[in-house]
Amino acid sequence: MTTSPAPLVDEAITASGTRKQRARSAPRRRPAIGSHLLLAIAALYFLLPLWWLIVAGTKSTSGLFAGRPLWFADEFALFDNIAQLATYNDGIYLRWLGNSFLYAIAGGVGSTVLAVLAGYAFAKYRFRGSGLSFMILLASVMVPLTALVIPTYVLFNNLGLTNTIWAVILPTLLSPFGVYLMRVYIQDAIPDELLDAARVDGSGEFRTFGTIAVPLMRPAIVTVMLLNIVGGWNNYFLPLAMISDQRLLPVTVGLNYWQVQSNSATAGSIIWNLVTSGSLISVVPLIIAFLMLQKYWQGGLSMGSLK
């Protein structure tokens, strides 16, 4: 006895019609043109100043004022500008660059160490006045740093520390925002049960902190350190108020000094090429730092996804 293929054909036709009806009724996904356009405008807004700086750093003084501000001049003068930077005013730009490295690394590393210790204490220990102390810490985050420059100057002037490197390094060792970030991260990233297990196994507090807590805090430590180093590198108002010796200036204040000199009636615009090329070189260490430390963020994110 054979089965008629008619029912099978009818079922196939019915299924095909159902799929077509679903395809017609399903909403068509339109490309997010508005979102892409907004992202393109935002990227252009942030990249345009950097592009201008790259282009301007390759021009001579005459090329800066010859038109085409967003494109390269016929004369590529980047290497000539770097040579002038190394020799102008006895190579003081290199000294400014070294001062910026000193202020940024000393202040950034020191503030990160203090932020890690304070954040760990606030997150994992209960002591008298911890809540009030943390509230005061949060209140200090809201105070603009520029509002503290004048009181800090008066304090350091009374101590005889103005016009020294300590007048720039010591204030940057305090990072309330870094302490806040570390405390929030440690609360979720380091379980109390893990620390209790280490204590039961006979591990002391310092050993537990160094061998268990610190490796788990690596992404937060790198983030806070990078934020503090970038803040120290870009610090402008504090060294401007604290330092009068030109040899102790960081590169941010030193370039502003050259800019004022270029705008003066005596100097004219003879060193505008040094200002632009010096500004270009000053952002290179920050770009390198971001690229080198990026893997630690990626490692921290992947570590969190596996928990």
Protein backbone atom coordinates (compact mmCIF):
# COMPACT_ATOMS: atom_id res chain seq x y z
CA MET A 1 0.00 0.00 0.00
CA THR A 2 1.49 3.40 -1.02
CA THR A 3 0.93 6.75 0.62
CA SER A 4 -0.28 9.63 -1.52
CA PRO A 5 2.19 12.56 -1.66
CA ALA A 6 -0.63 15.07 -1.68
CA PRO A 7 -0.73 15.62 2.12
CA LEU A 8 3.02 16.15 2.19
CA VAL A 9 2.80 18.74 -0.55
CA ASP A 10 -0.01 20.53 1.27
CA GLU A 11 2.05 20.67 4.47
CA ALA A 12 5.04 22.06 2.63
CA ILE A 13 2.89 24.75 0.99
CA THR A 14 1.35 25.65 4.34
CA ALA A 15 4.77 25.91 6.06
CA SER A 16 6.11 28.07 3.22
CA GLY A 17 3.16 30.40 3.49
CA THR A 18 3.59 30.69 7.25
CA ARG A 19 7.26 31.65 6.84
CA LYS A 20 6.36 34.30 4.27
CA GLN A 21 3.71 35.75 6.59
CA ARG A 22 6.23 35.89 9.45
CA ALA A 23 8.79 37.58 7.21
CA ARG A 24 6.22 40.20 6.17
CA SER A 25 5.06 40.81 9.74
CA ALA A 26 8.59 40.97 11.24
CA PRO A 27 9.85 44.56 11.57
CA ARG A 28 12.75 45.42 9.32
CA ARG A 29 15.88 46.56 11.07
CA ARG A 30 16.93 49.92 9.81
CA PRO A 31 20.57 50.97 10.03
CA ALA A 32 21.23 53.30 12.97
CA ILE A 33 22.31 56.17 10.77
CA GLY A 34 21.68 58.77 13.45
CA SER A 35 23.82 56.96 16.04
CA HIS A 36 26.65 56.42 13.57
CA LEU A 37 26.53 60.05 12.51
CA LEU A 38 26.63 61.20 16.14
CA LEU A 39 29.61 58.95 16.89
CA ALA A 40 31.41 60.22 13.79
CA ILE A 41 30.86 63.84 14.86
CA ALA A 42 32.10 63.07 18.39
CA ALA A 43 35.20 61.31 17.04
CA LEU A 44 35.91 64.24 14.72
CA TYR A 45 35.46 66.67 17.61
CA PHE A 46 38.04 64.86 19.75
CA LEU A 47 40.52 63.97 17.00
CA LEU A 48 40.58 67.31 15.21
CA PRO A 49 42.72 69.13 17.84
CA LEU A 50 45.16 66.21 17.91
CA TRP A 51 45.39 66.23 14.12
CA TRP A 52 46.02 69.99 14.15
CA LEU A 53 48.78 69.51 16.74
CA ILE A 54 50.45 66.80 14.64
CA VAL A 55 50.31 68.99 11.53
CA ALA A 56 51.45 72.14 13.35
CA GLY A 57 54.37 70.33 14.96
CA THR A 58 55.84 69.62 11.53
CA LYS A 59 55.81 73.24 10.39
CA SER A 60 58.25 76.08 10.75
CA THR A 61 57.17 79.44 12.13
CA SER A 62 56.50 80.82 8.67
CA GLY A 63 54.58 77.69 7.71
CA LEU A 64 52.25 78.08 10.69
CA PHE A 65 50.94 81.38 9.35
CA ALA A 66 51.01 80.53 5.64
CA GLY A 67 47.52 79.02 5.43
CA ARG A 68 46.32 75.41 5.32
CA PRO A 69 46.14 74.99 9.12
CA LEU A 70 44.88 71.40 8.87
CA TRP A 71 47.36 70.12 6.32
CA PHE A 72 51.11 69.78 6.08
CA ALA A 73 53.28 72.52 4.63
CA ASP A 74 55.63 72.02 1.72
CA GLU A 75 58.56 72.13 4.14
CA PHE A 76 58.65 69.29 6.70
CA ALA A 77 60.37 70.94 9.67
CA LEU A 78 59.67 68.49 12.51
CA PHE A 79 63.26 67.32 12.89
CA ASP A 80 64.57 70.90 12.65
CA ASN A 81 62.11 71.91 15.38
CA ILE A 82 63.27 69.04 17.61
CA ALA A 83 66.89 70.10 17.09
CA GLN A 84 65.98 73.66 18.08
CA LEU A 85 64.15 72.40 21.14
CA ALA A 86 67.29 70.62 22.30
CA THR A 87 69.45 73.74 21.94
CA TYR A 88 67.17 76.75 22.51
CA ASN A 89 67.95 78.56 25.77
CA ASP A 90 70.61 75.96 26.69
CA GLY A 91 68.19 73.08 26.13
CA ILE A 92 65.82 74.12 28.89
CA TYR A 93 62.95 72.24 27.22
CA LEU A 94 64.67 68.93 27.99
CA ARG A 95 64.94 70.02 31.62
CA TRP A 96 61.23 70.88 31.66
CA LEU A 97 60.47 67.48 30.21
CA GLY A 98 62.57 65.80 32.90
CA ASN A 99 60.80 67.83 35.60
CA SER A 100 57.43 66.68 34.27
CA PHE A 101 58.57 63.06 34.41
CA LEU A 102 59.75 63.54 37.99
CA TYR A 103 56.58 65.28 39.17
CA ALA A 104 54.24 62.87 37.37
CA ILE A 105 55.95 59.61 38.37
CA ALA A 106 56.75 60.59 41.96
CA GLY A 107 53.32 62.05 42.57
CA GLY A 108 51.47 59.36 40.62
CA VAL A 109 53.18 56.36 42.19
CA GLY A 110 53.12 57.86 45.68
CA SER A 111 49.44 58.81 45.50
CA THR A 112 48.58 55.36 44.13
CA VAL A 113 50.33 53.62 47.03
CA LEU A 114 48.47 55.76 49.55
CA ALA A 115 45.18 55.25 47.69
CA VAL A 116 45.62 51.46 47.70
CA LEU A 117 46.39 51.35 51.42
CA ALA A 118 43.59 53.73 52.39
CA GLY A 119 41.04 52.11 50.06
CA TYR A 120 41.85 48.64 51.43
CA ALA A 121 41.52 49.88 55.00
CA PHE A 122 38.15 51.55 54.33
CA ALA A 123 36.82 48.50 52.50
CA LYS A 124 37.98 45.62 54.71
CA TYR A 125 38.42 47.00 58.22
CA ARG A 126 35.93 48.44 60.68
CA PHE A 127 37.38 51.05 63.01
CA ARG A 128 36.01 53.93 65.01
CA GLY A 129 35.25 56.92 62.82
CA SER A 130 35.60 55.07 59.52
CA GLY A 131 32.19 56.21 58.26
CA LEU A 132 32.81 59.85 59.17
CA SER A 133 36.28 59.74 57.67
CA PHE A 134 34.95 58.36 54.40
CA MET A 135 32.25 61.04 54.28
CA ILE A 136 34.91 63.71 54.70
CA LEU A 137 36.87 62.02 51.92
CA LEU A 138 33.86 62.15 49.60
CA ALA A 139 33.32 65.80 50.47
CA SER A 140 36.92 66.59 49.57
CA VAL A 141 36.39 65.05 46.12
CA MET A 142 33.84 67.77 45.39
CA VAL A 143 36.27 70.60 46.21
CA PRO A 144 37.99 71.96 43.05
CA LEU A 145 41.76 71.60 43.14
CA THR A 146 42.20 75.19 42.00
CA ALA A 147 40.43 76.36 45.16
CA LEU A 148 43.13 74.68 47.28
CA VAL A 149 46.13 76.17 45.50
CA ILE A 150 46.25 79.47 47.41
CA PRO A 151 45.87 77.87 50.89
CA THR A 152 48.49 75.30 49.89
CA TYR A 153 50.83 78.05 48.76
CA VAL A 154 50.44 79.88 52.08
CA LEU A 155 51.13 76.67 54.00
CA PHE A 156 54.23 75.77 51.98
CA ASN A 157 55.46 79.34 52.09
CA ASN A 158 55.36 79.27 55.88
CA LEU A 159 57.30 75.99 55.79
CA GLY A 160 59.88 77.45 53.38
CA LEU A 161 59.16 74.85 50.69
CA THR A 162 57.97 77.10 47.88
CA ASN A 163 60.10 77.21 44.75
CA THR A 164 61.24 73.60 45.37
CA ILE A 165 60.26 70.30 43.83
CA TRP A 166 58.51 69.30 47.07
CA ALA A 167 56.00 72.10 46.58
CA VAL A 168 54.71 70.20 43.54
CA ILE A 169 55.23 66.58 44.63
CA LEU A 170 53.83 66.64 48.17
CA PRO A 171 50.35 68.06 47.33
CA THR A 172 49.90 65.54 44.51
CA LEU A 173 50.45 62.61 46.88
CA LEU A 174 46.87 63.05 48.12
CA SER A 175 44.23 61.64 45.77
CA PRO A 176 40.77 61.43 47.39
CA PHE A 177 39.21 60.25 44.16
CA GLY A 178 41.78 57.47 43.90
CA VAL A 179 40.96 56.33 47.44
CA TYR A 180 37.26 56.30 46.57
CA LEU A 181 37.85 54.22 43.42
CA MET A 182 40.01 51.72 45.28
CA ARG A 183 37.49 51.34 48.08
CA VAL A 184 34.60 50.72 45.70
CA TYR A 185 36.61 48.22 43.65
CA ILE A 186 37.99 46.30 46.65
CA GLN A 187 34.54 45.85 48.19
CA ASP A 188 33.35 43.79 45.20
CA ALA A 189 36.58 42.28 43.86
CA ILE A 190 37.96 40.80 47.10
CA PRO A 191 35.51 38.62 49.07
CA ASP A 192 35.77 38.67 52.84
CA GLU A 193 35.62 34.87 52.84
CA LEU A 194 38.87 34.71 50.89
CA LEU A 195 40.66 36.89 53.43
CA ASP A 196 39.18 34.92 56.33
CA ALA A 197 40.39 31.68 54.76
CA ALA A 198 43.90 33.10 54.49
CA ARG A 199 43.82 34.16 58.14
CA VAL A 200 42.64 30.68 59.20
CA ASP A 201 45.60 29.19 57.29
CA GLY A 202 47.91 31.32 59.42
CA SER A 203 48.64 34.15 57.02
CA GLY A 204 49.30 37.51 58.64
CA GLU A 205 47.62 40.73 57.60
CA PHE A 206 50.58 42.07 55.62
CA ARG A 207 51.13 38.74 53.86
CA THR A 208 47.43 38.45 53.04
CA PHE A 209 47.44 41.95 51.65
CA GLY A 210 50.55 41.41 49.55
CA THR A 211 49.92 37.91 48.21
CA ILE A 212 46.12 37.79 47.88
CA ALA A 213 44.66 41.30 47.80
CA VAL A 214 47.21 43.12 45.64
CA PRO A 215 47.05 40.68 42.66
CA LEU A 216 43.26 40.97 42.63
CA MET A 217 43.51 44.77 42.71
CA ARG A 218 45.81 45.00 39.70
CA PRO A 219 43.28 46.51 37.23
CA ALA A 220 42.21 49.15 39.75
CA ILE A 221 45.80 49.91 40.72
CA VAL A 222 46.78 50.46 37.09
CA THR A 223 43.73 52.64 36.49
CA VAL A 224 44.33 54.84 39.53
CA MET A 225 48.05 55.09 38.77
CA LEU A 226 47.43 56.12 35.19
CA LEU A 227 44.86 58.73 36.23
CA ASN A 228 47.25 60.17 38.81
CA ILE A 229 50.22 60.17 36.43
CA VAL A 230 48.19 61.92 33.72
CA GLY A 231 46.94 64.43 36.27
CA GLY A 232 50.47 65.08 37.47
CA TRP A 233 51.78 65.42 33.92
CA ASN A 234 49.05 67.91 32.98
CA ASN A 235 49.31 69.79 36.28
CA TYR A 236 49.51 73.49 35.51
CA PHE A 237 48.06 75.79 38.14
CA LEU A 238 49.89 74.31 41.15
CA PRO A 239 53.46 74.61 39.73
CA LEU A 240 52.55 78.00 38.27
CA ALA A 241 51.77 79.27 41.78
CA MET A 242 54.50 77.38 43.64
CA ILE A 243 57.56 77.73 41.40
CA SER A 244 59.27 80.88 40.19
CA ASP A 245 62.58 79.30 39.17
CA GLN A 246 62.42 78.66 35.43
CA ARG A 247 64.63 75.58 35.73
CA LEU A 248 62.09 73.82 37.99
CA LEU A 249 59.06 74.36 35.77
CA PRO A 250 57.22 71.40 34.21
CA VAL A 251 56.70 71.31 30.48
CA THR A 252 53.11 72.61 30.73
CA VAL A 253 54.10 75.85 32.44
CA GLY A 254 57.29 76.15 30.41
CA LEU A 255 55.43 76.03 27.10
CA ASN A 256 53.04 78.67 28.37
CA TYR A 257 56.07 80.81 29.24
CA TRP A 258 57.26 80.48 25.63
CA GLN A 259 53.80 81.31 24.37
CA VAL A 260 53.75 84.53 26.39
CA GLN A 261 57.22 85.28 25.10
CA SER A 262 56.06 84.75 21.52
CA ASN A 263 53.14 87.13 22.04
CA SER A 264 55.36 89.84 23.46
CA ALA A 265 56.40 92.82 21.36
CA THR A 266 60.09 92.01 21.58
CA ALA A 267 60.07 88.34 20.62
CA GLY A 268 57.35 88.48 18.02
CA SER A 269 56.45 84.99 16.82
CA ILE A 270 59.93 83.57 16.36
CA ILE A 271 59.42 80.53 18.59
CA TRP A 272 55.85 79.52 17.75
CA ASN A 273 57.28 76.46 16.02
CA LEU A 274 58.94 75.45 19.30
CA VAL A 275 55.66 75.82 21.17
CA THR A 276 53.76 73.57 18.74
CA SER A 277 56.47 70.92 18.36
CA GLY A 278 57.12 70.96 22.12
CA SER A 279 53.40 70.42 22.76
CA LEU A 280 53.39 67.53 20.30
CA ILE A 281 56.33 65.83 22.01
CA SER A 282 54.78 66.36 25.44
CA VAL A 283 51.73 64.20 24.59
CA VAL A 284 53.78 61.29 23.25
CA PRO A 285 54.63 59.84 26.73
CA LEU A 286 50.94 59.80 27.67
CA ILE A 287 50.01 57.94 24.48
CA ILE A 288 52.77 55.39 25.12
CA ALA A 289 51.59 54.92 28.72
CA PHE A 290 48.01 54.25 27.60
CA LEU A 291 49.13 51.73 24.99
CA MET A 292 51.46 49.91 27.38
CA LEU A 293 48.94 49.67 30.25
CA GLN A 294 45.97 48.72 28.09
CA LYS A 295 46.66 44.99 28.47
CA TYR A 296 46.23 45.21 32.24
CA TRP A 297 42.71 46.59 31.81
CA GLN A 298 41.86 43.85 29.35
CA GLY A 299 43.25 41.25 31.73
CA GLY A 300 41.19 42.65 34.57
CA LEU A 301 38.01 42.63 32.52
CA SER A 302 38.51 39.03 31.39
CA MET A 303 39.33 38.02 34.97
CA GLY A 304 36.06 39.54 36.15
CA SER A 305 34.08 37.75 33.44
CA LEU A 306 35.38 34.37 34.62
CA LYS A 307 34.35 34.84 38.24
